[in-house]
Amino acid sequence: MIYYPYFRGRQFDLRALTQFAGTEYANIVPIIEPVKDLNALPKTIKAFTAANNPLAVIQNPQVGHYQYQVQQRYPISDLLLAPNIVPAFVLTPLLPPELLTANPKAVVIVQHFDDLRLFVQRDWLPETVTLLAAPEARVRQLLRGRQFGHLFDHFPFPDHSADFADMTDSFYSTDAEFARFYGEIGFSDYLTMGHTYSEQGHPSRAVTLHLTYLKDNQVRVHHFVSDQHDDFAHPKEKFFEALTKTTAWITRQPEVNLTPTTARLQELSTMRKFPGMGILKQLMITHHLEIMNRYLHQNND
């Protein structure tokens, strides 16, 4: 059972992945869709290669501004030749089938059923590629007889972050159980960031922290929202409001839900230090990956 967390190559995504690359984990293959020409991108790829851990990199990104055909300030093409780097493609009608033939071990992301049907009907999908598609009955019927994993967005954002105040805890997934039931090879998701990509992000009236945790073999998410959410001002004060709720929750958690991120959040509370929203996003990503590593360990034994 393999977990394929799907990342857009934003700065905080890449920094979290670089940190994660050097930790001990198993059965996790992150997927990066490059969106910007950032120095952090080749650094991340090099970190995974140095640790000899697998990393899938999408070669035909569909969002953002990254283009392999254009000379980049921080090129990655040579780095993709490393044996631990897995080529990945988003399935579109414009994807040349010969790219899949030339990369028979590629990871293929299916975003639209009609694209999958086209490639299956024309026999353009090598049996050896790793397909990640929506967990739908029509997909299972179309792919009957071949292995694949499912890709699902478990984290649709409400219209406003403050709305999480009315939903402090939510179910995330039982993906391992689902995949095992249907005989799938693994599963993929967009972590606690959601599928929708925004180039600049969006301002929020509230500061909200999302921490993944395990309970009764479910993956769940607890949401910690600042009390103030009337305007966009005072992010530092709002952070400490959310952090106070977070640290109170952390002290009640069993060992399985405690990570370096939870320890760091407790330190920030003690020090009364606001690290900035980018660092907070990075911390939440590394926490999620650590929790999913433990979830896989429980379900692969």
C-alpha atoms as a PDB file:
ATOM      1  CA  MET A   1       0.000   0.000   0.000  1.00  0.00           C
ATOM      2  CA  ILE A   2       1.572   3.248  -1.205  1.00  0.00           C
ATOM      3  CA  TYR A   3       0.589   6.811  -0.351  1.00  0.00           C
ATOM      4  CA  TYR A   4       1.115   9.412  -3.099  1.00  0.00           C
ATOM      5  CA  PRO A   5       0.672  12.890  -1.548  1.00  0.00           C
ATOM      6  CA  TYR A   6       0.144  15.437  -4.332  1.00  0.00           C
ATOM      7  CA  PHE A   7       1.961  18.774  -4.051  1.00  0.00           C
ATOM      8  CA  ARG A   8       2.011  21.905  -6.128  1.00  0.00           C
ATOM      9  CA  GLY A   9       5.600  23.149  -6.048  1.00  0.00           C
ATOM     10  CA  ARG A  10       5.067  26.211  -3.902  1.00  0.00           C
ATOM     11  CA  GLN A  11       7.806  27.454  -1.614  1.00  0.00           C
ATOM     12  CA  PHE A  12       6.340  26.058   1.602  1.00  0.00           C
ATOM     13  CA  ASP A  13       5.491  22.733  -0.096  1.00  0.00           C
ATOM     14  CA  LEU A  14       9.068  22.302  -1.242  1.00  0.00           C
ATOM     15  CA  ARG A  15      10.614  23.269   2.076  1.00  0.00           C
ATOM     16  CA  ALA A  16       8.411  20.769   3.887  1.00  0.00           C
ATOM     17  CA  LEU A  17       9.325  18.046   1.405  1.00  0.00           C
ATOM     18  CA  THR A  18      13.042  18.797   1.691  1.00  0.00           C
ATOM     19  CA  GLN A  19      12.773  18.346   5.440  1.00  0.00           C
ATOM     20  CA  PHE A  20      10.711  15.174   5.078  1.00  0.00           C
ATOM     21  CA  ALA A  21      13.147  13.615   2.589  1.00  0.00           C
ATOM     22  CA  GLY A  22      15.719  13.022   5.313  1.00  0.00           C
ATOM     23  CA  THR A  23      13.370  11.353   7.804  1.00  0.00           C
ATOM     24  CA  GLU A  24      12.627   7.660   8.246  1.00  0.00           C
ATOM     25  CA  TYR A  25       9.473   6.601   6.440  1.00  0.00           C
ATOM     26  CA  ALA A  26       8.209   3.899   4.118  1.00  0.00           C
ATOM     27  CA  ASN A  27       5.623   3.460   1.361  1.00  0.00           C
ATOM     28  CA  ILE A  28       5.263   7.177   0.611  1.00  0.00           C
ATOM     29  CA  VAL A  29       5.992   8.591  -2.850  1.00  0.00           C
ATOM     30  CA  PRO A  30       5.360  12.352  -2.972  1.00  0.00           C
ATOM     31  CA  ILE A  31       4.259  13.852  -6.282  1.00  0.00           C
ATOM     32  CA  ILE A  32       5.390  17.366  -7.217  1.00  0.00           C
ATOM     33  CA  GLU A  33       3.707  19.389  -9.934  1.00  0.00           C
ATOM     34  CA  PRO A  34       6.171  22.246 -10.639  1.00  0.00           C
ATOM     35  CA  VAL A  35       4.420  25.605 -10.744  1.00  0.00           C
ATOM     36  CA  LYS A  36       7.287  28.115 -10.438  1.00  0.00           C
ATOM     37  CA  ASP A  37      10.985  28.354 -11.259  1.00  0.00           C
ATOM     38  CA  LEU A  38      12.180  28.299  -7.646  1.00  0.00           C
ATOM     39  CA  ASN A  39      15.590  27.465  -6.224  1.00  0.00           C
ATOM     40  CA  ALA A  40      13.771  25.261  -3.715  1.00  0.00           C
ATOM     41  CA  LEU A  41      12.663  22.902  -6.514  1.00  0.00           C
ATOM     42  CA  PRO A  42      16.093  21.475  -7.455  1.00  0.00           C
ATOM     43  CA  LYS A  43      17.031  21.514  -3.757  1.00  0.00           C
ATOM     44  CA  THR A  44      14.066  19.297  -2.985  1.00  0.00           C
ATOM     45  CA  ILE A  45      14.852  16.865  -5.790  1.00  0.00           C
ATOM     46  CA  LYS A  46      18.489  16.676  -4.669  1.00  0.00           C
ATOM     47  CA  ALA A  47      17.387  15.996  -1.076  1.00  0.00           C
ATOM     48  CA  PHE A  48      15.324  12.985  -2.150  1.00  0.00           C
ATOM     49  CA  THR A  49      18.122  11.699  -4.359  1.00  0.00           C
ATOM     50  CA  ALA A  50      20.666  12.066  -1.541  1.00  0.00           C
ATOM     51  CA  ALA A  51      18.364  10.071   0.737  1.00  0.00           C
ATOM     52  CA  ASN A  52      17.616   7.564  -2.062  1.00  0.00           C
ATOM     53  CA  ASN A  53      13.891   8.050  -1.514  1.00  0.00           C
ATOM     54  CA  PRO A  54      11.426   7.976  -4.422  1.00  0.00           C
ATOM     55  CA  LEU A  55       9.909  11.205  -5.686  1.00  0.00           C
ATOM     56  CA  ALA A  56       7.531  11.617  -8.627  1.00  0.00           C
ATOM     57  CA  VAL A  57       7.843  14.824 -10.659  1.00  0.00           C
ATOM     58  CA  ILE A  58       5.166  15.805 -13.172  1.00  0.00           C
ATOM     59  CA  GLN A  59       6.630  16.494 -16.609  1.00  0.00           C
ATOM     60  CA  ASN A  60       3.587  18.279 -18.067  1.00  0.00           C
ATOM     61  CA  PRO A  61       2.329  20.621 -15.315  1.00  0.00           C
ATOM     62  CA  GLN A  62      -1.194  21.913 -15.849  1.00  0.00           C
ATOM     63  CA  VAL A  63      -1.256  24.807 -13.364  1.00  0.00           C
ATOM     64  CA  GLY A  64       1.154  27.634 -12.629  1.00  0.00           C
ATOM     65  CA  HIS A  65       3.802  28.946 -15.014  1.00  0.00           C
ATOM     66  CA  TYR A  66       6.479  26.245 -15.112  1.00  0.00           C
ATOM     67  CA  GLN A  67       7.460  25.162 -18.626  1.00  0.00           C
ATOM     68  CA  TYR A  68      10.137  22.572 -19.298  1.00  0.00           C
ATOM     69  CA  GLN A  69      10.616  23.912 -22.828  1.00  0.00           C
ATOM     70  CA  VAL A  70      11.718  27.332 -21.521  1.00  0.00           C
ATOM     71  CA  GLN A  71      15.185  27.856 -20.088  1.00  0.00           C
ATOM     72  CA  GLN A  72      14.877  28.011 -16.326  1.00  0.00           C
ATOM     73  CA  ARG A  73      16.976  29.901 -13.834  1.00  0.00           C
ATOM     74  CA  TYR A  74      16.968  26.785 -11.652  1.00  0.00           C
ATOM     75  CA  PRO A  75      16.858  23.878 -14.131  1.00  0.00           C
ATOM     76  CA  ILE A  76      15.867  20.386 -13.038  1.00  0.00           C
ATOM     77  CA  SER A  77      15.988  18.312 -16.243  1.00  0.00           C
ATOM     78  CA  ASP A  78      19.310  16.633 -15.428  1.00  0.00           C
ATOM     79  CA  LEU A  79      18.158  15.940 -11.866  1.00  0.00           C
ATOM     80  CA  LEU A  80      15.180  13.993 -13.183  1.00  0.00           C
ATOM     81  CA  LEU A  81      17.547  11.349 -14.578  1.00  0.00           C
ATOM     82  CA  ALA A  82      18.383  10.066 -11.087  1.00  0.00           C
ATOM     83  CA  PRO A  83      17.122   6.492 -10.533  1.00  0.00           C
ATOM     84  CA  ASN A  84      14.959   7.469  -7.551  1.00  0.00           C
ATOM     85  CA  ILE A  85      13.036  10.090  -9.540  1.00  0.00           C
ATOM     86  CA  VAL A  86       9.814   8.723 -11.029  1.00  0.00           C
ATOM     87  CA  PRO A  87       8.445  10.451 -14.143  1.00  0.00           C
ATOM     88  CA  ALA A  88       4.828  11.523 -13.764  1.00  0.00           C
ATOM     89  CA  PHE A  89       2.256  12.880 -16.196  1.00  0.00           C
ATOM     90  CA  VAL A  90      -1.186  14.438 -15.990  1.00  0.00           C
ATOM     91  CA  LEU A  91      -3.420  12.637 -18.461  1.00  0.00           C
ATOM     92  CA  THR A  92      -4.762  15.077 -21.062  1.00  0.00           C
ATOM     93  CA  PRO A  93      -5.802  14.695 -24.724  1.00  0.00           C
ATOM     94  CA  LEU A  94      -2.602  16.574 -25.642  1.00  0.00           C
ATOM     95  CA  LEU A  95      -0.273  14.114 -23.894  1.00  0.00           C
ATOM     96  CA  PRO A  96       1.725  12.258 -26.588  1.00  0.00           C
ATOM     97  CA  PRO A  97       1.188   8.509 -26.028  1.00  0.00           C
ATOM     98  CA  GLU A  98       4.831   7.850 -26.908  1.00  0.00           C
ATOM     99  CA  LEU A  99       5.836   9.587 -23.667  1.00  0.00           C
ATOM    100  CA  LEU A 100       4.080   6.844 -21.734  1.00  0.00           C
ATOM    101  CA  THR A 101       5.629   4.177 -23.936  1.00  0.00           C
ATOM    102  CA  ALA A 102       9.056   5.675 -23.242  1.00  0.00           C
ATOM    103  CA  ASN A 103       8.320   5.833 -19.490  1.00  0.00           C
ATOM    104  CA  PRO A 104       6.585   2.529 -18.695  1.00  0.00           C
ATOM    105  CA  LYS A 105       7.034   2.980 -14.918  1.00  0.00           C
ATOM    106  CA  ALA A 106       5.516   6.462 -14.846  1.00  0.00           C
ATOM    107  CA  VAL A 107       2.869   7.709 -12.458  1.00  0.00           C
ATOM    108  CA  VAL A 108      -0.164   8.916 -14.423  1.00  0.00           C
ATOM    109  CA  ILE A 109      -2.646  11.336 -12.851  1.00  0.00           C
ATOM    110  CA  VAL A 110      -6.201  11.048 -14.177  1.00  0.00           C
ATOM    111  CA  GLN A 111      -8.189  14.245 -13.662  1.00  0.00           C
ATOM    112  CA  HIS A 112     -11.012  13.659 -16.153  1.00  0.00           C
ATOM    113  CA  PHE A 113     -12.824  10.424 -16.932  1.00  0.00           C
ATOM    114  CA  ASP A 114     -13.138  11.208 -20.660  1.00  0.00           C
ATOM    115  CA  ASP A 115      -9.346  11.467 -20.974  1.00  0.00           C
ATOM    116  CA  LEU A 116      -8.928   8.088 -19.310  1.00  0.00           C
ATOM    117  CA  ARG A 117     -11.530   6.504 -21.572  1.00  0.00           C
ATOM    118  CA  LEU A 118      -9.785   7.909 -24.660  1.00  0.00           C
ATOM    119  CA  PHE A 119      -6.405   6.450 -23.673  1.00  0.00           C
ATOM    120  CA  VAL A 120      -7.893   3.086 -22.683  1.00  0.00           C
ATOM    121  CA  GLN A 121      -9.940   2.748 -25.871  1.00  0.00           C
ATOM    122  CA  ARG A 122      -6.920   3.531 -28.026  1.00  0.00           C
ATOM    123  CA  ASP A 123      -4.635   1.280 -25.981  1.00  0.00           C
ATOM    124  CA  TRP A 124      -2.283   4.139 -25.148  1.00  0.00           C
ATOM    125  CA  LEU A 125      -1.771   3.207 -21.485  1.00  0.00           C
ATOM    126  CA  PRO A 126       1.002   0.683 -20.816  1.00  0.00           C
ATOM    127  CA  GLU A 127      -0.025  -1.909 -18.226  1.00  0.00           C
ATOM    128  CA  THR A 128       3.051  -1.019 -16.189  1.00  0.00           C
ATOM    129  CA  VAL A 129       2.217   2.632 -15.439  1.00  0.00           C
ATOM    130  CA  THR A 130       0.842   3.575 -12.025  1.00  0.00           C
ATOM    131  CA  LEU A 131      -2.592   5.082 -12.552  1.00  0.00           C
ATOM    132  CA  LEU A 132      -4.156   7.366  -9.946  1.00  0.00           C
ATOM    133  CA  ALA A 133      -7.806   8.102 -10.687  1.00  0.00           C
ATOM    134  CA  ALA A 134     -11.024   9.139  -8.983  1.00  0.00           C
ATOM    135  CA  PRO A 135     -12.605   6.442  -6.762  1.00  0.00           C
ATOM    136  CA  GLU A 136     -15.648   6.037  -8.999  1.00  0.00           C
ATOM    137  CA  ALA A 137     -17.532   2.929 -10.132  1.00  0.00           C
ATOM    138  CA  ARG A 138     -17.210   3.899 -13.805  1.00  0.00           C
ATOM    139  CA  VAL A 139     -13.420   4.154 -13.402  1.00  0.00           C
ATOM    140  CA  ARG A 140     -13.235   0.710 -11.777  1.00  0.00           C
ATOM    141  CA  GLN A 141     -15.367  -0.709 -14.567  1.00  0.00           C
ATOM    142  CA  LEU A 142     -13.197   0.866 -17.271  1.00  0.00           C
ATOM    143  CA  LEU A 143      -9.976  -0.323 -15.597  1.00  0.00           C
ATOM    144  CA  ARG A 144     -11.239  -3.794 -14.743  1.00  0.00           C
ATOM    145  CA  GLY A 145      -8.363  -6.260 -14.798  1.00  0.00           C
ATOM    146  CA  ARG A 146      -5.589  -3.749 -14.203  1.00  0.00           C
ATOM    147  CA  GLN A 147      -4.158  -2.253 -11.034  1.00  0.00           C
ATOM    148  CA  PHE A 148      -4.557   1.381 -10.064  1.00  0.00           C
ATOM    149  CA  GLY A 149      -4.868   3.655  -7.044  1.00  0.00           C
ATOM    150  CA  HIS A 150      -7.368   6.359  -6.231  1.00  0.00           C
ATOM    151  CA  LEU A 151      -6.894  10.132  -6.043  1.00  0.00           C
ATOM    152  CA  PHE A 152      -9.358  12.187  -4.036  1.00  0.00           C
ATOM    153  CA  ASP A 153      -9.556  15.680  -2.556  1.00  0.00           C
ATOM    154  CA  HIS A 154     -10.490  15.161   1.091  1.00  0.00           C
ATOM    155  CA  PHE A 155     -10.177  18.807   2.018  1.00  0.00           C
ATOM    156  CA  PRO A 156     -12.595  21.141   0.224  1.00  0.00           C
ATOM    157  CA  PHE A 157     -12.195  24.622   1.646  1.00  0.00           C
ATOM    158  CA  PRO A 158     -15.215  26.532   2.950  1.00  0.00           C
ATOM    159  CA  ASP A 159     -15.806  29.995   1.540  1.00  0.00           C
ATOM    160  CA  HIS A 160     -14.034  31.567   4.525  1.00  0.00           C
ATOM    161  CA  SER A 161     -11.473  30.148   6.953  1.00  0.00           C
ATOM    162  CA  ALA A 162     -13.554  31.475   9.832  1.00  0.00           C
ATOM    163  CA  ASP A 163     -16.218  28.926   8.891  1.00  0.00           C
ATOM    164  CA  PHE A 164     -13.986  26.266  10.427  1.00  0.00           C
ATOM    165  CA  ALA A 165     -15.049  27.720  13.790  1.00  0.00           C
ATOM    166  CA  ASP A 166     -18.358  25.934  13.236  1.00  0.00           C
ATOM    167  CA  MET A 167     -16.569  22.711  12.259  1.00  0.00           C
ATOM    168  CA  THR A 168     -13.711  22.226  14.690  1.00  0.00           C
ATOM    169  CA  ASP A 169     -13.217  18.547  13.850  1.00  0.00           C
ATOM    170  CA  SER A 170     -13.775  16.636  10.619  1.00  0.00           C
ATOM    171  CA  PHE A 171     -13.327  13.218   9.074  1.00  0.00           C
ATOM    172  CA  TYR A 172     -10.472  13.060   6.557  1.00  0.00           C
ATOM    173  CA  SER A 173     -10.211   9.503   5.258  1.00  0.00           C
ATOM    174  CA  THR A 174     -10.001   5.762   5.683  1.00  0.00           C
ATOM    175  CA  ASP A 175      -8.119   5.480   2.410  1.00  0.00           C
ATOM    176  CA  ALA A 176      -6.084   2.401   3.315  1.00  0.00           C
ATOM    177  CA  GLU A 177      -9.233   0.452   4.184  1.00  0.00           C
ATOM    178  CA  PHE A 178     -10.953   1.684   1.016  1.00  0.00           C
ATOM    179  CA  ALA A 179      -7.987   0.787  -1.190  1.00  0.00           C
ATOM    180  CA  ARG A 180      -7.668  -2.651   0.381  1.00  0.00           C
ATOM    181  CA  PHE A 181     -11.388  -3.362  -0.105  1.00  0.00           C
ATOM    182  CA  TYR A 182     -11.183  -2.593  -3.828  1.00  0.00           C
ATOM    183  CA  GLY A 183      -7.792  -4.224  -4.358  1.00  0.00           C
ATOM    184  CA  GLU A 184      -6.034  -0.959  -5.190  1.00  0.00           C
ATOM    185  CA  ILE A 185      -2.272  -0.429  -5.068  1.00  0.00           C
ATOM    186  CA  GLY A 186      -2.518   2.742  -3.001  1.00  0.00           C
ATOM    187  CA  PHE A 187      -4.058   6.176  -2.741  1.00  0.00           C
ATOM    188  CA  SER A 188      -3.357   9.855  -3.313  1.00  0.00           C
ATOM    189  CA  ASP A 189      -4.711  13.150  -1.990  1.00  0.00           C
ATOM    190  CA  TYR A 190      -3.969  16.863  -1.819  1.00  0.00           C
ATOM    191  CA  LEU A 191      -3.220  16.858   1.935  1.00  0.00           C
ATOM    192  CA  THR A 192      -4.926  19.638   3.905  1.00  0.00           C
ATOM    193  CA  MET A 193      -4.490  22.151   1.078  1.00  0.00           C
ATOM    194  CA  GLY A 194      -7.118  20.985  -1.374  1.00  0.00           C
ATOM    195  CA  HIS A 195      -7.059  20.529  -5.136  1.00  0.00           C
ATOM    196  CA  THR A 196      -7.670  24.161  -6.089  1.00  0.00           C
ATOM    197  CA  TYR A 197      -4.489  26.023  -6.992  1.00  0.00           C
ATOM    198  CA  SER A 198      -4.114  29.759  -6.466  1.00  0.00           C
ATOM    199  CA  GLU A 199      -1.018  31.574  -7.710  1.00  0.00           C
ATOM    200  CA  GLN A 200      -1.013  34.175  -4.955  1.00  0.00           C
ATOM    201  CA  GLY A 201      -3.041  32.404  -2.308  1.00  0.00           C
ATOM    202  CA  HIS A 202      -5.826  34.413  -0.746  1.00  0.00           C
ATOM    203  CA  PRO A 203      -6.027  36.647   2.326  1.00  0.00           C
ATOM    204  CA  SER A 204      -7.947  35.339   5.288  1.00  0.00           C
ATOM    205  CA  ARG A 205      -9.736  37.144   8.067  1.00  0.00           C
ATOM    206  CA  ALA A 206      -8.967  34.271  10.441  1.00  0.00           C
ATOM    207  CA  VAL A 207      -5.816  32.335  11.250  1.00  0.00           C
ATOM    208  CA  THR A 208      -6.584  28.625  11.138  1.00  0.00           C
ATOM    209  CA  LEU A 209      -4.307  25.695  11.950  1.00  0.00           C
ATOM    210  CA  HIS A 210      -5.190  22.224  10.675  1.00  0.00           C
ATOM    211  CA  LEU A 211      -3.673  19.188  12.402  1.00  0.00           C
ATOM    212  CA  THR A 212      -4.193  15.674  11.115  1.00  0.00           C
ATOM    213  CA  TYR A 213      -4.548  12.936  13.715  1.00  0.00           C
ATOM    214  CA  LEU A 214      -5.429   9.257  14.078  1.00  0.00           C
ATOM    215  CA  LYS A 215      -8.441   7.876  15.923  1.00  0.00           C
ATOM    216  CA  ASP A 216     -10.061   4.441  15.576  1.00  0.00           C
ATOM    217  CA  ASN A 217      -8.027   3.806  12.406  1.00  0.00           C
ATOM    218  CA  GLN A 218      -9.487   6.922  10.823  1.00  0.00           C
ATOM    219  CA  VAL A 219      -7.516   9.926   9.655  1.00  0.00           C
ATOM    220  CA  ARG A 220      -9.208  13.030  11.019  1.00  0.00           C
ATOM    221  CA  VAL A 221      -8.410  16.764  11.066  1.00  0.00           C
ATOM    222  CA  HIS A 222      -8.855  19.188  13.941  1.00  0.00           C
ATOM    223  CA  HIS A 223      -9.252  22.853  13.035  1.00  0.00           C
ATOM    224  CA  PHE A 224      -8.093  25.635  15.345  1.00  0.00           C
ATOM    225  CA  VAL A 225      -9.494  29.057  14.453  1.00  0.00           C
ATOM    226  CA  SER A 226      -8.650  32.467  15.866  1.00  0.00           C
ATOM    227  CA  ASP A 227     -11.408  34.238  17.765  1.00  0.00           C
ATOM    228  CA  GLN A 228     -10.948  37.412  15.711  1.00  0.00           C
ATOM    229  CA  HIS A 229     -12.069  37.198  12.093  1.00  0.00           C
ATOM    230  CA  ASP A 230     -13.750  40.510  11.309  1.00  0.00           C
ATOM    231  CA  ASP A 231     -10.910  41.911   9.179  1.00  0.00           C
ATOM    232  CA  PHE A 232      -7.487  41.078   7.731  1.00  0.00           C
ATOM    233  CA  ALA A 233      -5.467  42.880  10.414  1.00  0.00           C
ATOM    234  CA  HIS A 234      -3.430  41.550  13.349  1.00  0.00           C
ATOM    235  CA  PRO A 235      -2.330  38.113  12.055  1.00  0.00           C
ATOM    236  CA  LYS A 236       0.129  37.716  14.936  1.00  0.00           C
ATOM    237  CA  GLU A 237      -2.535  38.183  17.595  1.00  0.00           C
ATOM    238  CA  LYS A 238      -4.873  35.869  15.693  1.00  0.00           C
ATOM    239  CA  PHE A 239      -2.148  33.237  15.486  1.00  0.00           C
ATOM    240  CA  PHE A 240      -1.752  33.153  19.258  1.00  0.00           C
ATOM    241  CA  GLU A 241      -5.517  32.829  19.682  1.00  0.00           C
ATOM    242  CA  ALA A 242      -5.487  29.761  17.436  1.00  0.00           C
ATOM    243  CA  LEU A 243      -2.278  28.468  19.004  1.00  0.00           C
ATOM    244  CA  THR A 244      -3.737  28.561  22.519  1.00  0.00           C
ATOM    245  CA  LYS A 245      -6.478  26.190  21.368  1.00  0.00           C
ATOM    246  CA  THR A 246      -3.936  24.051  19.535  1.00  0.00           C
ATOM    247  CA  THR A 247      -1.594  23.517  22.474  1.00  0.00           C
ATOM    248  CA  ALA A 248      -4.501  22.683  24.787  1.00  0.00           C
ATOM    249  CA  TRP A 249      -5.552  19.985  22.309  1.00  0.00           C
ATOM    250  CA  ILE A 250      -1.987  18.679  21.912  1.00  0.00           C
ATOM    251  CA  THR A 251      -1.637  18.026  25.646  1.00  0.00           C
ATOM    252  CA  ARG A 252      -4.609  15.639  25.476  1.00  0.00           C
ATOM    253  CA  GLN A 253      -3.301  13.601  22.540  1.00  0.00           C
ATOM    254  CA  PRO A 254      -1.837  10.086  22.678  1.00  0.00           C
ATOM    255  CA  GLU A 255       1.736   9.476  21.561  1.00  0.00           C
ATOM    256  CA  VAL A 256       0.686   8.419  18.055  1.00  0.00           C
ATOM    257  CA  ASN A 257      -0.479  11.980  17.300  1.00  0.00           C
ATOM    258  CA  LEU A 258       2.588  13.764  18.660  1.00  0.00           C
ATOM    259  CA  THR A 259       5.198  14.828  16.109  1.00  0.00           C
ATOM    260  CA  PRO A 260       8.075  17.305  15.801  1.00  0.00           C
ATOM    261  CA  THR A 261       5.460  19.786  14.575  1.00  0.00           C
ATOM    262  CA  THR A 262       3.342  19.511  17.721  1.00  0.00           C
ATOM    263  CA  ALA A 263       6.502  19.967  19.798  1.00  0.00           C
ATOM    264  CA  ARG A 264       7.443  23.027  17.743  1.00  0.00           C
ATOM    265  CA  LEU A 265       3.989  24.551  18.184  1.00  0.00           C
ATOM    266  CA  GLN A 266       4.310  24.137  21.938  1.00  0.00           C
ATOM    267  CA  GLU A 267       7.699  25.863  21.785  1.00  0.00           C
ATOM    268  CA  LEU A 268       6.231  28.758  19.808  1.00  0.00           C
ATOM    269  CA  SER A 269       3.526  29.090  22.439  1.00  0.00           C
ATOM    270  CA  THR A 270       6.073  29.181  25.253  1.00  0.00           C
ATOM    271  CA  MET A 271       8.304  31.648  23.396  1.00  0.00           C
ATOM    272  CA  ARG A 272       5.348  33.752  22.193  1.00  0.00           C
ATOM    273  CA  LYS A 273       6.876  33.714  18.727  1.00  0.00           C
ATOM    274  CA  PHE A 274       4.966  34.126  15.458  1.00  0.00           C
ATOM    275  CA  PRO A 275       6.983  32.387  12.685  1.00  0.00           C
ATOM    276  CA  GLY A 276       4.900  33.647   9.757  1.00  0.00           C
ATOM    277  CA  MET A 277       2.192  31.897   7.767  1.00  0.00           C
ATOM    278  CA  GLY A 278       4.606  30.204   5.341  1.00  0.00           C
ATOM    279  CA  ILE A 279       6.412  28.409   8.169  1.00  0.00           C
ATOM    280  CA  LEU A 280       3.077  27.415   9.708  1.00  0.00           C
ATOM    281  CA  LYS A 281       1.977  25.840   6.427  1.00  0.00           C
ATOM    282  CA  GLN A 282       5.302  24.006   6.241  1.00  0.00           C
ATOM    283  CA  LEU A 283       4.840  22.686   9.788  1.00  0.00           C
ATOM    284  CA  MET A 284       1.321  21.445   9.049  1.00  0.00           C
ATOM    285  CA  ILE A 285       2.547  19.624   5.930  1.00  0.00           C
ATOM    286  CA  THR A 286       5.372  17.818   7.726  1.00  0.00           C
ATOM    287  CA  HIS A 287       2.964  16.890  10.519  1.00  0.00           C
ATOM    288  CA  HIS A 288       0.489  15.460   8.014  1.00  0.00           C
ATOM    289  CA  LEU A 289       3.186  13.384   6.323  1.00  0.00           C
ATOM    290  CA  GLU A 290       4.381  11.993   9.660  1.00  0.00           C
ATOM    291  CA  ILE A 291       0.828  11.069  10.689  1.00  0.00           C
ATOM    292  CA  MET A 292       0.212   9.392   7.318  1.00  0.00           C
ATOM    293  CA  ASN A 293       3.461   7.458   7.715  1.00  0.00           C
ATOM    294  CA  ARG A 294       2.150   6.093  11.023  1.00  0.00           C
ATOM    295  CA  TYR A 295      -1.242   5.375   9.453  1.00  0.00           C
ATOM    296  CA  LEU A 296       0.440   3.347   6.710  1.00  0.00           C
ATOM    297  CA  HIS A 297       2.536   1.493   9.277  1.00  0.00           C
ATOM    298  CA  GLN A 298      -0.637   0.484  11.107  1.00  0.00           C
ATOM    299  CA  ASN A 299      -2.354  -0.667   7.922  1.00  0.00           C
ATOM    300  CA  ASN A 300       0.568  -2.361   6.170  1.00  0.00           C
ATOM    301  CA  ASP A 301       1.457  -4.641   9.100  1.00  0.00           C
END
